[in-house]
Amino acid sequence: MDKLNKTYDDFFKQLIPESPLKEAFRKWNETTKIIKNRKSSCDKCGQSLKPKTPKDIESWNKRRRELHSWKVRAEAVGIPMLPAHRPSKSVRQEWEYKIVEAEMETLT
């Protein structure tokens, strides 16, 4: 049977020339194999590729709510927002301190 399948393969290769669709399917199939065989962490950054648990999602949502409240407070007292990139811990603490100071000034 193996020789018969090989014969059919050779026959169809001659009969049906390579097409863009066939090439796209081949690349997709290779990519799928790579994804199935990949490690549990990213090679570039080492970040875990496991799905997020409900606990992870909830803790992230809690952090986002906290950051949003700081943003609202900053806009209310006229303090400029932090830059778009991730600020260092000391820069964020200084920014939060400025917000609290500005709020205290508005109360007095």
N, C-alpha and C. Protein backbone atom coordinates (compact mmCIF):
# COMPACT_ATOMS: atom_id res chain seq x y z
N MET A 1 0.83 -1.21 0.00
CA MET A 1 0.00 0.00 0.00
C MET A 1 0.86 1.26 0.00
N ASP A 2 2.00 1.18 0.62
CA ASP A 2 2.86 2.35 0.72
C ASP A 2 3.35 2.78 -0.67
N LYS A 3 3.71 1.82 -1.49
CA LYS A 3 4.16 2.13 -2.85
C LYS A 3 3.04 2.74 -3.67
N LEU A 4 1.83 2.26 -3.43
CA LEU A 4 0.66 2.76 -4.15
C LEU A 4 0.40 4.23 -3.79
N ASN A 5 0.48 4.56 -2.49
CA ASN A 5 0.28 5.95 -2.06
C ASN A 5 1.35 6.86 -2.65
N LYS A 6 2.59 6.37 -2.67
CA LYS A 6 3.68 7.17 -3.24
C LYS A 6 3.46 7.40 -4.74
N THR A 7 2.97 6.39 -5.40
CA THR A 7 2.69 6.51 -6.83
C THR A 7 1.60 7.54 -7.07
N TYR A 8 0.54 7.49 -6.25
CA TYR A 8 -0.53 8.48 -6.37
C TYR A 8 -0.01 9.90 -6.10
N ASP A 9 0.83 10.02 -5.08
CA ASP A 9 1.39 11.33 -4.75
C ASP A 9 2.18 11.89 -5.93
N ASP A 10 3.03 11.05 -6.50
CA ASP A 10 3.82 11.49 -7.65
C ASP A 10 2.93 11.87 -8.83
N PHE A 11 1.90 11.08 -9.05
CA PHE A 11 0.97 11.35 -10.15
C PHE A 11 0.27 12.69 -9.96
N PHE A 12 -0.24 12.95 -8.75
CA PHE A 12 -0.96 14.20 -8.49
C PHE A 12 -0.03 15.41 -8.50
N LYS A 13 1.23 15.21 -8.09
CA LYS A 13 2.18 16.32 -8.15
C LYS A 13 2.41 16.75 -9.59
N GLN A 14 2.43 15.78 -10.50
CA GLN A 14 2.61 16.11 -11.91
C GLN A 14 1.33 16.70 -12.48
N LEU A 15 0.21 16.20 -12.03
CA LEU A 15 -1.07 16.64 -12.56
C LEU A 15 -1.45 18.03 -12.05
N ILE A 16 -1.25 18.29 -10.74
CA ILE A 16 -1.64 19.56 -10.13
C ILE A 16 -0.37 20.34 -9.79
N PRO A 17 -0.11 21.43 -10.50
CA PRO A 17 1.09 22.21 -10.21
C PRO A 17 0.96 22.92 -8.86
N GLU A 18 2.09 23.40 -8.35
CA GLU A 18 2.08 24.16 -7.09
C GLU A 18 1.24 25.42 -7.27
N SER A 19 0.40 25.69 -6.31
CA SER A 19 -0.44 26.88 -6.38
C SER A 19 -0.20 27.72 -5.14
N PRO A 20 -0.55 29.01 -5.16
CA PRO A 20 -0.38 29.85 -3.98
C PRO A 20 -1.18 29.33 -2.78
N LEU A 21 -2.35 28.76 -3.06
CA LEU A 21 -3.18 28.23 -1.99
C LEU A 21 -2.50 27.04 -1.31
N LYS A 22 -1.89 26.19 -2.13
CA LYS A 22 -1.20 25.03 -1.59
C LYS A 22 -0.01 25.47 -0.75
N GLU A 23 0.71 26.48 -1.21
CA GLU A 23 1.85 27.01 -0.47
C GLU A 23 1.41 27.64 0.84
N ALA A 24 0.30 28.37 0.83
CA ALA A 24 -0.22 28.99 2.04
C ALA A 24 -0.63 27.91 3.04
N PHE A 25 -1.25 26.85 2.56
CA PHE A 25 -1.65 25.77 3.45
C PHE A 25 -0.43 25.09 4.07
N ARG A 26 0.63 24.92 3.29
CA ARG A 26 1.84 24.30 3.80
C ARG A 26 2.46 25.16 4.91
N LYS A 27 2.54 26.48 4.69
CA LYS A 27 3.09 27.38 5.71
C LYS A 27 2.22 27.38 6.97
N TRP A 28 0.91 27.37 6.78
CA TRP A 28 0.00 27.35 7.93
C TRP A 28 0.20 26.07 8.74
N ASN A 29 0.35 24.95 8.03
CA ASN A 29 0.55 23.67 8.69
C ASN A 29 1.86 23.67 9.49
N GLU A 30 2.92 24.22 8.93
CA GLU A 30 4.20 24.31 9.64
C GLU A 30 4.07 25.19 10.89
N THR A 31 3.39 26.32 10.75
CA THR A 31 3.20 27.23 11.88
C THR A 31 2.41 26.55 12.99
N THR A 32 1.39 25.81 12.62
CA THR A 32 0.58 25.11 13.61
C THR A 32 1.43 24.10 14.37
N LYS A 33 2.30 23.40 13.67
CA LYS A 33 3.18 22.44 14.34
C LYS A 33 4.11 23.15 15.31
N ILE A 34 4.64 24.29 14.92
CA ILE A 34 5.54 25.05 15.79
C ILE A 34 4.81 25.50 17.04
N ILE A 35 3.59 26.00 16.88
CA ILE A 35 2.82 26.48 18.03
C ILE A 35 2.52 25.33 18.99
N LYS A 36 2.18 24.17 18.46
CA LYS A 36 1.87 23.03 19.31
C LYS A 36 3.11 22.56 20.08
N ASN A 37 4.28 22.71 19.48
CA ASN A 37 5.50 22.22 20.09
C ASN A 37 6.25 23.26 20.91
N ARG A 38 5.75 24.48 21.00
CA ARG A 38 6.50 25.52 21.69
C ARG A 38 6.55 25.29 23.20
N LYS A 39 7.49 25.97 23.81
CA LYS A 39 7.69 25.81 25.25
C LYS A 39 6.58 26.53 26.01
N SER A 40 6.62 26.39 27.34
CA SER A 40 5.60 27.04 28.15
C SER A 40 5.96 28.48 28.47
N SER A 41 7.12 28.96 27.97
CA SER A 41 7.47 30.36 28.19
C SER A 41 8.05 30.94 26.90
N CYS A 42 7.97 32.24 26.79
CA CYS A 42 8.44 32.95 25.61
C CYS A 42 9.96 32.93 25.58
N ASP A 43 10.55 32.66 24.41
CA ASP A 43 12.01 32.61 24.29
C ASP A 43 12.63 34.00 24.43
N LYS A 44 11.94 35.02 23.97
CA LYS A 44 12.51 36.36 23.98
C LYS A 44 12.54 36.97 25.37
N CYS A 45 11.42 36.90 26.09
CA CYS A 45 11.33 37.62 27.36
C CYS A 45 11.17 36.70 28.57
N GLY A 46 10.93 35.41 28.38
CA GLY A 46 10.77 34.49 29.49
C GLY A 46 9.40 34.56 30.13
N GLN A 47 8.48 35.33 29.54
CA GLN A 47 7.14 35.47 30.10
C GLN A 47 6.36 34.17 29.94
N SER A 48 5.60 33.84 30.94
CA SER A 48 4.82 32.61 30.92
C SER A 48 3.72 32.71 29.87
N LEU A 49 3.50 31.62 29.14
CA LEU A 49 2.46 31.58 28.12
C LEU A 49 1.22 30.85 28.60
N LYS A 50 1.19 30.52 29.89
CA LYS A 50 0.02 29.82 30.41
C LYS A 50 -1.17 30.77 30.48
N PRO A 51 -2.38 30.25 30.38
CA PRO A 51 -3.55 31.13 30.45
C PRO A 51 -3.70 31.76 31.83
N LYS A 52 -4.28 32.94 31.86
CA LYS A 52 -4.47 33.66 33.11
C LYS A 52 -5.57 33.00 33.94
N THR A 53 -5.35 32.93 35.23
CA THR A 53 -6.35 32.38 36.13
C THR A 53 -7.29 33.51 36.57
N PRO A 54 -8.46 33.17 37.07
CA PRO A 54 -9.37 34.22 37.54
C PRO A 54 -8.75 35.09 38.64
N LYS A 55 -7.89 34.49 39.46
CA LYS A 55 -7.22 35.25 40.51
C LYS A 55 -6.28 36.30 39.91
N ASP A 56 -5.52 35.91 38.86
CA ASP A 56 -4.63 36.85 38.17
C ASP A 56 -5.43 37.99 37.55
N ILE A 57 -6.52 37.65 36.92
CA ILE A 57 -7.35 38.66 36.26
C ILE A 57 -7.91 39.63 37.28
N GLU A 58 -8.39 39.09 38.41
CA GLU A 58 -8.98 39.95 39.44
C GLU A 58 -7.94 40.87 40.05
N SER A 59 -6.73 40.37 40.30
CA SER A 59 -5.69 41.23 40.88
C SER A 59 -5.29 42.32 39.89
N TRP A 60 -5.26 41.99 38.59
CA TRP A 60 -4.92 43.00 37.59
C TRP A 60 -6.03 44.06 37.52
N ASN A 61 -7.28 43.63 37.57
CA ASN A 61 -8.39 44.58 37.54
C ASN A 61 -8.36 45.50 38.75
N LYS A 62 -8.01 44.94 39.91
CA LYS A 62 -7.91 45.75 41.12
C LYS A 62 -6.83 46.81 40.95
N ARG A 63 -5.70 46.43 40.38
CA ARG A 63 -4.60 47.38 40.14
C ARG A 63 -5.02 48.46 39.14
N ARG A 64 -5.74 48.09 38.09
CA ARG A 64 -6.20 49.05 37.09
C ARG A 64 -7.17 50.06 37.72
N ARG A 65 -8.05 49.58 38.60
CA ARG A 65 -8.98 50.50 39.27
C ARG A 65 -8.21 51.50 40.13
N GLU A 66 -7.19 51.03 40.82
CA GLU A 66 -6.37 51.92 41.65
C GLU A 66 -5.66 52.97 40.80
N LEU A 67 -5.07 52.53 39.69
CA LEU A 67 -4.38 53.48 38.80
C LEU A 67 -5.34 54.49 38.20
N HIS A 68 -6.54 54.03 37.87
CA HIS A 68 -7.53 54.94 37.30
C HIS A 68 -7.94 56.00 38.33
N SER A 69 -8.08 55.59 39.59
CA SER A 69 -8.45 56.58 40.61
C SER A 69 -7.36 57.63 40.78
N TRP A 70 -6.08 57.23 40.67
CA TRP A 70 -4.99 58.21 40.73
C TRP A 70 -5.06 59.16 39.53
N LYS A 71 -5.41 58.62 38.38
CA LYS A 71 -5.52 59.47 37.18
C LYS A 71 -6.62 60.51 37.36
N VAL A 72 -7.76 60.09 37.87
CA VAL A 72 -8.88 61.01 38.09
C VAL A 72 -8.50 62.08 39.10
N ARG A 73 -7.84 61.67 40.18
CA ARG A 73 -7.41 62.63 41.20
C ARG A 73 -6.42 63.64 40.62
N ALA A 74 -5.50 63.17 39.76
CA ALA A 74 -4.51 64.07 39.16
C ALA A 74 -5.19 65.09 38.25
N GLU A 75 -6.15 64.64 37.46
CA GLU A 75 -6.87 65.56 36.57
C GLU A 75 -7.67 66.58 37.38
N ALA A 76 -8.20 66.17 38.52
CA ALA A 76 -9.02 67.07 39.34
C ALA A 76 -8.20 68.22 39.92
N VAL A 77 -6.94 67.97 40.26
CA VAL A 77 -6.11 69.03 40.85
C VAL A 77 -5.15 69.66 39.85
N GLY A 78 -5.18 69.21 38.60
CA GLY A 78 -4.37 69.84 37.56
C GLY A 78 -2.93 69.38 37.49
N ILE A 79 -2.63 68.20 38.00
CA ILE A 79 -1.28 67.64 37.90
C ILE A 79 -1.17 66.90 36.57
N PRO A 80 -0.09 67.13 35.80
CA PRO A 80 0.04 66.43 34.51
C PRO A 80 0.20 64.91 34.71
N MET A 81 -0.25 64.16 33.73
CA MET A 81 -0.19 62.70 33.80
C MET A 81 1.24 62.22 33.65
N LEU A 82 1.47 60.99 34.10
CA LEU A 82 2.76 60.35 33.92
C LEU A 82 2.96 60.04 32.44
N PRO A 83 4.21 59.89 31.99
CA PRO A 83 4.44 59.52 30.59
C PRO A 83 3.83 58.15 30.26
N ALA A 84 3.71 57.86 28.98
CA ALA A 84 3.04 56.64 28.54
C ALA A 84 3.80 55.38 28.92
N HIS A 85 5.13 55.44 29.00
CA HIS A 85 5.89 54.24 29.34
C HIS A 85 5.76 53.94 30.84
N ARG A 86 6.21 52.79 31.24
CA ARG A 86 6.11 52.41 32.66
C ARG A 86 7.09 53.23 33.49
N PRO A 87 6.58 54.00 34.45
CA PRO A 87 7.47 54.82 35.28
C PRO A 87 8.13 53.96 36.37
N SER A 88 9.25 54.44 36.86
CA SER A 88 9.90 53.73 37.96
C SER A 88 9.08 53.94 39.23
N LYS A 89 9.37 53.15 40.24
CA LYS A 89 8.62 53.22 41.48
C LYS A 89 8.77 54.59 42.13
N SER A 90 10.00 55.12 42.11
CA SER A 90 10.24 56.43 42.75
C SER A 90 9.51 57.56 42.02
N VAL A 91 9.47 57.50 40.68
CA VAL A 91 8.77 58.53 39.90
C VAL A 91 7.27 58.48 40.20
N ARG A 92 6.71 57.27 40.28
CA ARG A 92 5.27 57.14 40.58
C ARG A 92 4.97 57.65 41.99
N GLN A 93 5.83 57.30 42.96
CA GLN A 93 5.60 57.77 44.32
C GLN A 93 5.67 59.29 44.41
N GLU A 94 6.62 59.89 43.70
CA GLU A 94 6.73 61.35 43.69
C GLU A 94 5.49 61.98 43.09
N TRP A 95 4.98 61.41 42.00
CA TRP A 95 3.78 61.90 41.33
C TRP A 95 2.58 61.81 42.27
N GLU A 96 2.43 60.66 42.95
CA GLU A 96 1.33 60.50 43.89
C GLU A 96 1.44 61.49 45.05
N TYR A 97 2.66 61.74 45.51
CA TYR A 97 2.88 62.71 46.59
C TYR A 97 2.45 64.11 46.16
N LYS A 98 2.78 64.47 44.89
CA LYS A 98 2.36 65.78 44.36
C LYS A 98 0.84 65.89 44.34
N ILE A 99 0.18 64.82 43.98
CA ILE A 99 -1.29 64.83 43.93
C ILE A 99 -1.85 65.06 45.33
N VAL A 100 -1.32 64.35 46.30
CA VAL A 100 -1.82 64.49 47.67
C VAL A 100 -1.57 65.91 48.17
N GLU A 101 -0.37 66.46 47.89
CA GLU A 101 -0.06 67.84 48.30
C GLU A 101 -1.04 68.83 47.68
N ALA A 102 -1.32 68.67 46.37
CA ALA A 102 -2.22 69.56 45.68
C ALA A 102 -3.64 69.46 46.26
N GLU A 103 -4.05 68.26 46.61
CA GLU A 103 -5.36 68.08 47.22
C GLU A 103 -5.44 68.77 48.58
N MET A 104 -4.35 68.66 49.35
CA MET A 104 -4.32 69.33 50.67
C MET A 104 -4.38 70.85 50.53
N GLU A 105 -3.70 71.38 49.51
CA GLU A 105 -3.72 72.83 49.26
C GLU A 105 -5.13 73.32 48.89
N THR A 106 -5.82 72.52 48.11
CA THR A 106 -7.17 72.92 47.70
C THR A 106 -8.15 72.86 48.89
N LEU A 107 -7.88 72.00 49.86
CA LEU A 107 -8.76 71.90 51.02
C LEU A 107 -8.53 73.06 52.00
N THR A 108 -7.31 73.61 52.03
CA THR A 108 -7.03 74.70 52.99
C THR A 108 -7.21 76.05 52.36
